[in-house]
């Protein structure tokens, strides 16, 4: 299983704070439902998608995505 590089939990919290649903976000940004679903699984999306969301929500990228630390295997050097 591939470990996600990013988490969109902050996006879902921001939507709650703005009283919006995933569907509201999809319509406001003209993103596909597949892109929204991919983000729901912490999948990879382009910075263009993130920028479109930020412009729509009037926020910064840190408000919608958190970069997760890389998992190091035992004995692996930094």
PDB file of N, CA and C in Angstrom:
ATOM      1  N   UNK A   1       0.844  -1.185   0.000  1.00  0.00           N
ATOM      2  CA  UNK A   1       0.000   0.000   0.000  1.00  0.00           C
ATOM      3  C   UNK A   1       0.891   1.252   0.000  1.00  0.00           C
ATOM      4  N   UNK A   2       0.545   2.193  -0.845  1.00  0.00           N
ATOM      5  CA  UNK A   2       1.308   3.432  -0.941  1.00  0.00           C
ATOM      6  C   UNK A   2       0.854   4.388   0.153  1.00  0.00           C
ATOM      7  N   UNK A   3       1.811   4.954   0.876  1.00  0.00           N
ATOM      8  CA  UNK A   3       1.495   5.923   1.921  1.00  0.00           C
ATOM      9  C   UNK A   3       1.245   7.279   1.271  1.00  0.00           C
ATOM     10  N   UNK A   4       0.117   7.935   1.595  1.00  0.00           N
ATOM     11  CA  UNK A   4      -0.153   9.237   0.985  1.00  0.00           C
ATOM     12  C   UNK A   4       0.896  10.275   1.374  1.00  0.00           C
ATOM     13  N   UNK A   5       1.204  11.170   0.443  1.00  0.00           N
ATOM     14  CA  UNK A   5       2.174  12.234   0.691  1.00  0.00           C
ATOM     15  C   UNK A   5       1.506  13.455   1.295  1.00  0.00           C
ATOM     16  N   UNK A   6       0.182  13.524   1.157  1.00  0.00           N
ATOM     17  CA  UNK A   6      -0.546  14.695   1.645  1.00  0.00           C
ATOM     18  C   UNK A   6      -1.864  14.260   2.274  1.00  0.00           C
ATOM     19  N   UNK A   7      -2.371  15.116   3.143  1.00  0.00           N
ATOM     20  CA  UNK A   7      -3.663  14.886   3.777  1.00  0.00           C
ATOM     21  C   UNK A   7      -4.546  16.103   3.520  1.00  0.00           C
ATOM     22  N   UNK A   8      -5.789  15.855   3.173  1.00  0.00           N
ATOM     23  CA  UNK A   8      -6.734  16.937   2.911  1.00  0.00           C
ATOM     24  C   UNK A   8      -7.720  17.122   4.058  1.00  0.00           C
ATOM     25  N   UNK A   9      -7.378  16.603   5.240  1.00  0.00           N
ATOM     26  CA  UNK A   9      -8.266  16.779   6.401  1.00  0.00           C
ATOM     27  C   UNK A   9      -8.538  18.249   6.670  1.00  0.00           C
ATOM     28  N   UNK A  10      -7.522  19.086   6.466  1.00  0.00           N
ATOM     29  CA  UNK A  10      -7.709  20.524   6.708  1.00  0.00           C
ATOM     30  C   UNK A  10      -8.700  21.125   5.709  1.00  0.00           C
ATOM     31  N   UNK A  11      -8.765  20.571   4.487  1.00  0.00           N
ATOM     32  CA  UNK A  11      -9.760  21.036   3.517  1.00  0.00           C
ATOM     33  C   UNK A  11     -11.155  20.753   4.029  1.00  0.00           C
ATOM     34  N   UNK A  12     -11.372  19.532   4.508  1.00  0.00           N
ATOM     35  CA  UNK A  12     -12.719  19.159   4.964  1.00  0.00           C
ATOM     36  C   UNK A  12     -13.117  20.007   6.177  1.00  0.00           C
ATOM     37  N   UNK A  13     -12.154  20.327   7.047  1.00  0.00           N
ATOM     38  CA  UNK A  13     -12.442  21.204   8.192  1.00  0.00           C
ATOM     39  C   UNK A  13     -12.757  22.616   7.717  1.00  0.00           C
ATOM     40  N   UNK A  14     -12.017  23.096   6.722  1.00  0.00           N
ATOM     41  CA  UNK A  14     -12.277  24.432   6.174  1.00  0.00           C
ATOM     42  C   UNK A  14     -13.663  24.492   5.556  1.00  0.00           C
ATOM     43  N   UNK A  15     -14.063  23.439   4.859  1.00  0.00           N
ATOM     44  CA  UNK A  15     -15.411  23.408   4.274  1.00  0.00           C
ATOM     45  C   UNK A  15     -16.472  23.470   5.364  1.00  0.00           C
ATOM     46  N   UNK A  16     -16.264  22.746   6.445  1.00  0.00           N
ATOM     47  CA  UNK A  16     -17.217  22.786   7.564  1.00  0.00           C
ATOM     48  C   UNK A  16     -17.297  24.198   8.116  1.00  0.00           C
ATOM     49  N   UNK A  17     -16.139  24.840   8.314  1.00  0.00           N
ATOM     50  CA  UNK A  17     -16.111  26.206   8.832  1.00  0.00           C
ATOM     51  C   UNK A  17     -16.852  27.169   7.912  1.00  0.00           C
ATOM     52  N   UNK A  18     -16.806  26.922   6.611  1.00  0.00           N
ATOM     53  CA  UNK A  18     -17.458  27.795   5.638  1.00  0.00           C
ATOM     54  C   UNK A  18     -18.872  27.321   5.304  1.00  0.00           C
ATOM     55  N   UNK A  19     -19.346  26.317   6.040  1.00  0.00           N
ATOM     56  CA  UNK A  19     -20.685  25.758   5.859  1.00  0.00           C
ATOM     57  C   UNK A  19     -20.911  25.308   4.413  1.00  0.00           C
ATOM     58  N   UNK A  20     -19.925  24.588   3.881  1.00  0.00           N
ATOM     59  CA  UNK A  20     -20.001  24.072   2.513  1.00  0.00           C
ATOM     60  C   UNK A  20     -19.886  22.556   2.528  1.00  0.00           C
ATOM     61  N   UNK A  21     -20.466  21.944   1.513  1.00  0.00           N
ATOM     62  CA  UNK A  21     -20.330  20.497   1.330  1.00  0.00           C
ATOM     63  C   UNK A  21     -19.324  20.225   0.216  1.00  0.00           C
ATOM     64  N   UNK A  22     -18.942  18.957   0.067  1.00  0.00           N
ATOM     65  CA  UNK A  22     -18.063  18.573  -1.035  1.00  0.00           C
ATOM     66  C   UNK A  22     -18.709  18.935  -2.372  1.00  0.00           C
ATOM     67  N   UNK A  23     -20.014  18.748  -2.450  1.00  0.00           N
ATOM     68  CA  UNK A  23     -20.758  19.057  -3.675  1.00  0.00           C
ATOM     69  C   UNK A  23     -20.723  20.558  -3.961  1.00  0.00           C
ATOM     70  N   UNK A  24     -20.867  21.387  -2.922  1.00  0.00           N
ATOM     71  CA  UNK A  24     -20.766  22.845  -3.097  1.00  0.00           C
ATOM     72  C   UNK A  24     -19.390  23.214  -3.644  1.00  0.00           C
ATOM     73  N   UNK A  25     -18.347  22.588  -3.092  1.00  0.00           N
ATOM     74  CA  UNK A  25     -16.990  22.852  -3.548  1.00  0.00           C
ATOM     75  C   UNK A  25     -16.822  22.435  -5.005  1.00  0.00           C
ATOM     76  N   UNK A  26     -17.323  21.282  -5.348  1.00  0.00           N
ATOM     77  CA  UNK A  26     -17.219  20.779  -6.712  1.00  0.00           C
ATOM     78  C   UNK A  26     -17.858  21.753  -7.700  1.00  0.00           C
ATOM     79  N   UNK A  27     -19.043  22.222  -7.369  1.00  0.00           N
ATOM     80  CA  UNK A  27     -19.749  23.151  -8.258  1.00  0.00           C
ATOM     81  C   UNK A  27     -19.034  24.496  -8.346  1.00  0.00           C
ATOM     82  N   UNK A  28     -18.562  25.001  -7.214  1.00  0.00           N
ATOM     83  CA  UNK A  28     -17.921  26.325  -7.181  1.00  0.00           C
ATOM     84  C   UNK A  28     -16.578  26.333  -7.914  1.00  0.00           C
ATOM     85  N   UNK A  29     -15.905  25.197  -7.948  1.00  0.00           N
ATOM     86  CA  UNK A  29     -14.576  25.124  -8.571  1.00  0.00           C
ATOM     87  C   UNK A  29     -14.606  24.489  -9.953  1.00  0.00           C
ATOM     88  N   UNK A  30     -15.746  23.932 -10.330  1.00  0.00           N
ATOM     89  CA  UNK A  30     -15.884  23.190 -11.597  1.00  0.00           C
ATOM     90  C   UNK A  30     -14.923  22.003 -11.675  1.00  0.00           C
ATOM     91  N   UNK A  31     -14.609  21.433 -10.522  1.00  0.00           N
ATOM     92  CA  UNK A  31     -13.787  20.224 -10.492  1.00  0.00           C
ATOM     93  C   UNK A  31     -14.672  19.008 -10.703  1.00  0.00           C
ATOM     94  N   UNK A  32     -14.092  17.947 -11.183  1.00  0.00           N
ATOM     95  CA  UNK A  32     -14.867  16.725 -11.393  1.00  0.00           C
ATOM     96  C   UNK A  32     -15.121  16.035 -10.053  1.00  0.00           C
ATOM     97  N   UNK A  33     -16.157  15.227 -10.033  1.00  0.00           N
ATOM     98  CA  UNK A  33     -16.438  14.458  -8.822  1.00  0.00           C
ATOM     99  C   UNK A  33     -15.309  13.470  -8.563  1.00  0.00           C
ATOM    100  N   UNK A  34     -14.636  13.001  -9.631  1.00  0.00           N
ATOM    101  CA  UNK A  34     -13.506  12.086  -9.467  1.00  0.00           C
ATOM    102  C   UNK A  34     -12.352  12.768  -8.729  1.00  0.00           C
ATOM    103  N   UNK A  35     -12.097  14.047  -9.011  1.00  0.00           N
ATOM    104  CA  UNK A  35     -11.026  14.784  -8.326  1.00  0.00           C
ATOM    105  C   UNK A  35     -11.358  14.952  -6.852  1.00  0.00           C
ATOM    106  N   UNK A  36     -12.596  15.301  -6.552  1.00  0.00           N
ATOM    107  CA  UNK A  36     -13.019  15.465  -5.156  1.00  0.00           C
ATOM    108  C   UNK A  36     -12.899  14.118  -4.432  1.00  0.00           C
ATOM    109  N   UNK A  37     -13.309  13.043  -5.098  1.00  0.00           N
ATOM    110  CA  UNK A  37     -13.212  11.701  -4.495  1.00  0.00           C
ATOM    111  C   UNK A  37     -11.748  11.321  -4.264  1.00  0.00           C
ATOM    112  N   UNK A  38     -10.867  11.659  -5.207  1.00  0.00           N
ATOM    113  CA  UNK A  38      -9.442  11.362  -5.064  1.00  0.00           C
ATOM    114  C   UNK A  38      -8.887  12.071  -3.833  1.00  0.00           C
ATOM    115  N   UNK A  39      -9.294  13.318  -3.627  1.00  0.00           N
ATOM    116  CA  UNK A  39      -8.842  14.068  -2.451  1.00  0.00           C
ATOM    117  C   UNK A  39      -9.396  13.444  -1.170  1.00  0.00           C
ATOM    118  N   UNK A  40     -10.579  12.880  -1.247  1.00  0.00           N
ATOM    119  CA  UNK A  40     -11.172  12.193  -0.102  1.00  0.00           C
ATOM    120  C   UNK A  40     -10.363  10.979   0.323  1.00  0.00           C
ATOM    121  N   UNK A  41      -9.587  10.429  -0.632  1.00  0.00           N
ATOM    122  CA  UNK A  41      -8.716   9.273  -0.341  1.00  0.00           C
ATOM    123  C   UNK A  41      -7.265   9.719  -0.172  1.00  0.00           C
ATOM    124  N   UNK A  42      -7.053  11.041   0.004  1.00  0.00           N
ATOM    125  CA  UNK A  42      -5.707  11.611   0.125  1.00  0.00           C
ATOM    126  C   UNK A  42      -4.844  11.280  -1.088  1.00  0.00           C
ATOM    127  N   UNK A  43      -5.478  11.261  -2.261  1.00  0.00           N
ATOM    128  CA  UNK A  43      -4.754  11.005  -3.499  1.00  0.00           C
ATOM    129  C   UNK A  43      -4.046  12.256  -4.000  1.00  0.00           C
ATOM    130  N   UNK A  44      -3.246  12.063  -5.021  1.00  0.00           N
ATOM    131  CA  UNK A  44      -2.464  13.147  -5.594  1.00  0.00           C
ATOM    132  C   UNK A  44      -3.310  13.979  -6.557  1.00  0.00           C
ATOM    133  N   UNK A  45      -3.251  15.293  -6.394  1.00  0.00           N
ATOM    134  CA  UNK A  45      -3.872  16.225  -7.333  1.00  0.00           C
ATOM    135  C   UNK A  45      -2.837  17.289  -7.684  1.00  0.00           C
ATOM    136  N   UNK A  46      -3.072  18.014  -8.747  1.00  0.00           N
ATOM    137  CA  UNK A  46      -2.104  19.019  -9.185  1.00  0.00           C
ATOM    138  C   UNK A  46      -2.189  20.279  -8.325  1.00  0.00           C
ATOM    139  N   UNK A  47      -1.130  21.057  -8.365  1.00  0.00           N
ATOM    140  CA  UNK A  47      -1.151  22.343  -7.657  1.00  0.00           C
ATOM    141  C   UNK A  47      -2.162  23.275  -8.302  1.00  0.00           C
ATOM    142  N   UNK A  48      -2.447  23.067  -9.580  1.00  0.00           N
ATOM    143  CA  UNK A  48      -3.478  23.859 -10.258  1.00  0.00           C
ATOM    144  C   UNK A  48      -4.835  23.639  -9.587  1.00  0.00           C
ATOM    145  N   UNK A  49      -5.134  22.406  -9.250  1.00  0.00           N
ATOM    146  CA  UNK A  49      -6.386  22.087  -8.551  1.00  0.00           C
ATOM    147  C   UNK A  49      -6.399  22.755  -7.175  1.00  0.00           C
ATOM    148  N   UNK A  50      -5.283  22.642  -6.449  1.00  0.00           N
ATOM    149  CA  UNK A  50      -5.207  23.253  -5.117  1.00  0.00           C
ATOM    150  C   UNK A  50      -5.358  24.766  -5.205  1.00  0.00           C
ATOM    151  N   UNK A  51      -4.741  25.377  -6.199  1.00  0.00           N
ATOM    152  CA  UNK A  51      -4.845  26.829  -6.371  1.00  0.00           C
ATOM    153  C   UNK A  51      -6.282  27.239  -6.681  1.00  0.00           C
ATOM    154  N   UNK A  52      -6.972  26.465  -7.485  1.00  0.00           N
ATOM    155  CA  UNK A  52      -8.374  26.768  -7.817  1.00  0.00           C
ATOM    156  C   UNK A  52      -9.238  26.716  -6.556  1.00  0.00           C
ATOM    157  N   UNK A  53      -8.989  25.725  -5.710  1.00  0.00           N
ATOM    158  CA  UNK A  53      -9.738  25.611  -4.456  1.00  0.00           C
ATOM    159  C   UNK A  53      -9.435  26.810  -3.555  1.00  0.00           C
ATOM    160  N   UNK A  54      -8.152  27.163  -3.452  1.00  0.00           N
ATOM    161  CA  UNK A  54      -7.758  28.297  -2.605  1.00  0.00           C
ATOM    162  C   UNK A  54      -8.408  29.596  -3.066  1.00  0.00           C
ATOM    163  N   UNK A  55      -8.423  29.820  -4.373  1.00  0.00           N
ATOM    164  CA  UNK A  55      -9.071  31.040  -4.886  1.00  0.00           C
ATOM    165  C   UNK A  55     -10.562  31.036  -4.558  1.00  0.00           C
ATOM    166  N   UNK A  56     -11.191  29.893  -4.713  1.00  0.00           N
ATOM    167  CA  UNK A  56     -12.625  29.778  -4.445  1.00  0.00           C
ATOM    168  C   UNK A  56     -12.945  29.994  -2.972  1.00  0.00           C
ATOM    169  N   UNK A  57     -12.127  29.400  -2.088  1.00  0.00           N
ATOM    170  CA  UNK A  57     -12.381  29.488  -0.647  1.00  0.00           C
ATOM    171  C   UNK A  57     -11.718  30.707  -0.002  1.00  0.00           C
ATOM    172  N   UNK A  58     -10.939  31.461  -0.792  1.00  0.00           N
ATOM    173  CA  UNK A  58     -10.199  32.624  -0.298  1.00  0.00           C
ATOM    174  C   UNK A  58      -9.342  32.220   0.898  1.00  0.00           C
ATOM    175  N   UNK A  59      -8.463  31.238   0.643  1.00  0.00           N
ATOM    176  CA  UNK A  59      -7.602  30.725   1.704  1.00  0.00           C
ATOM    177  C   UNK A  59      -6.224  30.406   1.143  1.00  0.00           C
ATOM    178  N   UNK A  60      -5.337  29.958   1.996  1.00  0.00           N
ATOM    179  CA  UNK A  60      -3.990  29.553   1.609  1.00  0.00           C
ATOM    180  C   UNK A  60      -3.935  28.030   1.520  1.00  0.00           C
ATOM    181  N   UNK A  61      -2.910  27.520   0.841  1.00  0.00           N
ATOM    182  CA  UNK A  61      -2.791  26.061   0.684  1.00  0.00           C
ATOM    183  C   UNK A  61      -2.696  25.352   2.025  1.00  0.00           C
ATOM    184  N   UNK A  62      -2.073  25.977   3.010  1.00  0.00           N
ATOM    185  CA  UNK A  62      -1.962  25.357   4.343  1.00  0.00           C
ATOM    186  C   UNK A  62      -3.338  25.155   4.974  1.00  0.00           C
ATOM    187  N   UNK A  63      -4.343  25.887   4.484  1.00  0.00           N
ATOM    188  CA  UNK A  63      -5.703  25.738   5.005  1.00  0.00           C
ATOM    189  C   UNK A  63      -6.419  24.530   4.410  1.00  0.00           C
ATOM    190  N   UNK A  64      -5.838  23.930   3.358  1.00  0.00           N
ATOM    191  CA  UNK A  64      -6.527  22.823   2.698  1.00  0.00           C
ATOM    192  C   UNK A  64      -5.714  21.548   2.571  1.00  0.00           C
ATOM    193  N   UNK A  65      -4.395  21.642   2.735  1.00  0.00           N
ATOM    194  CA  UNK A  65      -3.572  20.440   2.570  1.00  0.00           C
ATOM    195  C   UNK A  65      -2.408  20.465   3.548  1.00  0.00           C
ATOM    196  N   UNK A  66      -2.084  19.300   4.070  1.00  0.00           N
ATOM    197  CA  UNK A  66      -0.910  19.148   4.947  1.00  0.00           C
ATOM    198  C   UNK A  66      -0.004  18.096   4.324  1.00  0.00           C
ATOM    199  N   UNK A  67       1.274  18.429   4.218  1.00  0.00           N
ATOM    200  CA  UNK A  67       2.250  17.482   3.683  1.00  0.00           C
ATOM    201  C   UNK A  67       2.657  16.550   4.812  1.00  0.00           C
ATOM    202  N   UNK A  68       2.553  15.262   4.549  1.00  0.00           N
ATOM    203  CA  UNK A  68       2.872  14.267   5.562  1.00  0.00           C
ATOM    204  C   UNK A  68       4.347  13.902   5.487  1.00  0.00           C
ATOM    205  N   UNK A  69       4.956  13.623   6.635  1.00  0.00           N
ATOM    206  CA  UNK A  69       6.368  13.216   6.618  1.00  0.00           C
ATOM    207  C   UNK A  69       6.516  11.867   5.932  1.00  0.00           C
ATOM    208  N   UNK A  70       7.641  11.684   5.294  1.00  0.00           N
ATOM    209  CA  UNK A  70       7.911  10.404   4.631  1.00  0.00           C
ATOM    210  C   UNK A  70       8.115   9.328   5.689  1.00  0.00           C
ATOM    211  N   UNK A  71       7.575   8.156   5.431  1.00  0.00           N
ATOM    212  CA  UNK A  71       7.789   7.019   6.347  1.00  0.00           C
ATOM    213  C   UNK A  71       9.156   6.445   6.062  1.00  0.00           C
ATOM    214  N   UNK A  72       9.942   6.326   7.109  1.00  0.00           N
ATOM    215  CA  UNK A  72      11.270   5.736   6.948  1.00  0.00           C
ATOM    216  C   UNK A  72      11.196   4.278   7.374  1.00  0.00           C
ATOM    217  N   UNK A  73      11.824   3.446   6.581  1.00  0.00           N
ATOM    218  CA  UNK A  73      11.886   2.037   6.948  1.00  0.00           C
ATOM    219  C   UNK A  73      12.991   1.840   7.956  1.00  0.00           C
ATOM    220  N   UNK A  74      12.903   0.759   8.722  1.00  0.00           N
ATOM    221  CA  UNK A  74      13.930   0.479   9.723  1.00  0.00           C
ATOM    222  C   UNK A  74      15.314   0.455   9.091  1.00  0.00           C
ATOM    223  N   UNK A  75      16.230   1.150   9.751  1.00  0.00           N
ATOM    224  CA  UNK A  75      17.614   1.153   9.311  1.00  0.00           C
ATOM    225  C   UNK A  75      17.900   2.104   8.172  1.00  0.00           C
ATOM    226  N   UNK A  76      16.883   2.796   7.662  1.00  0.00           N
ATOM    227  CA  UNK A  76      17.096   3.730   6.568  1.00  0.00           C
ATOM    228  C   UNK A  76      17.674   5.030   7.089  1.00  0.00           C
ATOM    229  N   UNK A  77      18.671   5.543   6.411  1.00  0.00           N
ATOM    230  CA  UNK A  77      19.269   6.819   6.795  1.00  0.00           C
ATOM    231  C   UNK A  77      18.431   7.960   6.271  1.00  0.00           C
ATOM    232  N   UNK A  78      18.550   9.139   6.944  1.00  0.00           N
ATOM    233  CA  UNK A  78      17.803  10.323   6.548  1.00  0.00           C
ATOM    234  C   UNK A  78      18.301  10.851   5.295  1.00  0.00           C
TER     235      UNK A  78
END
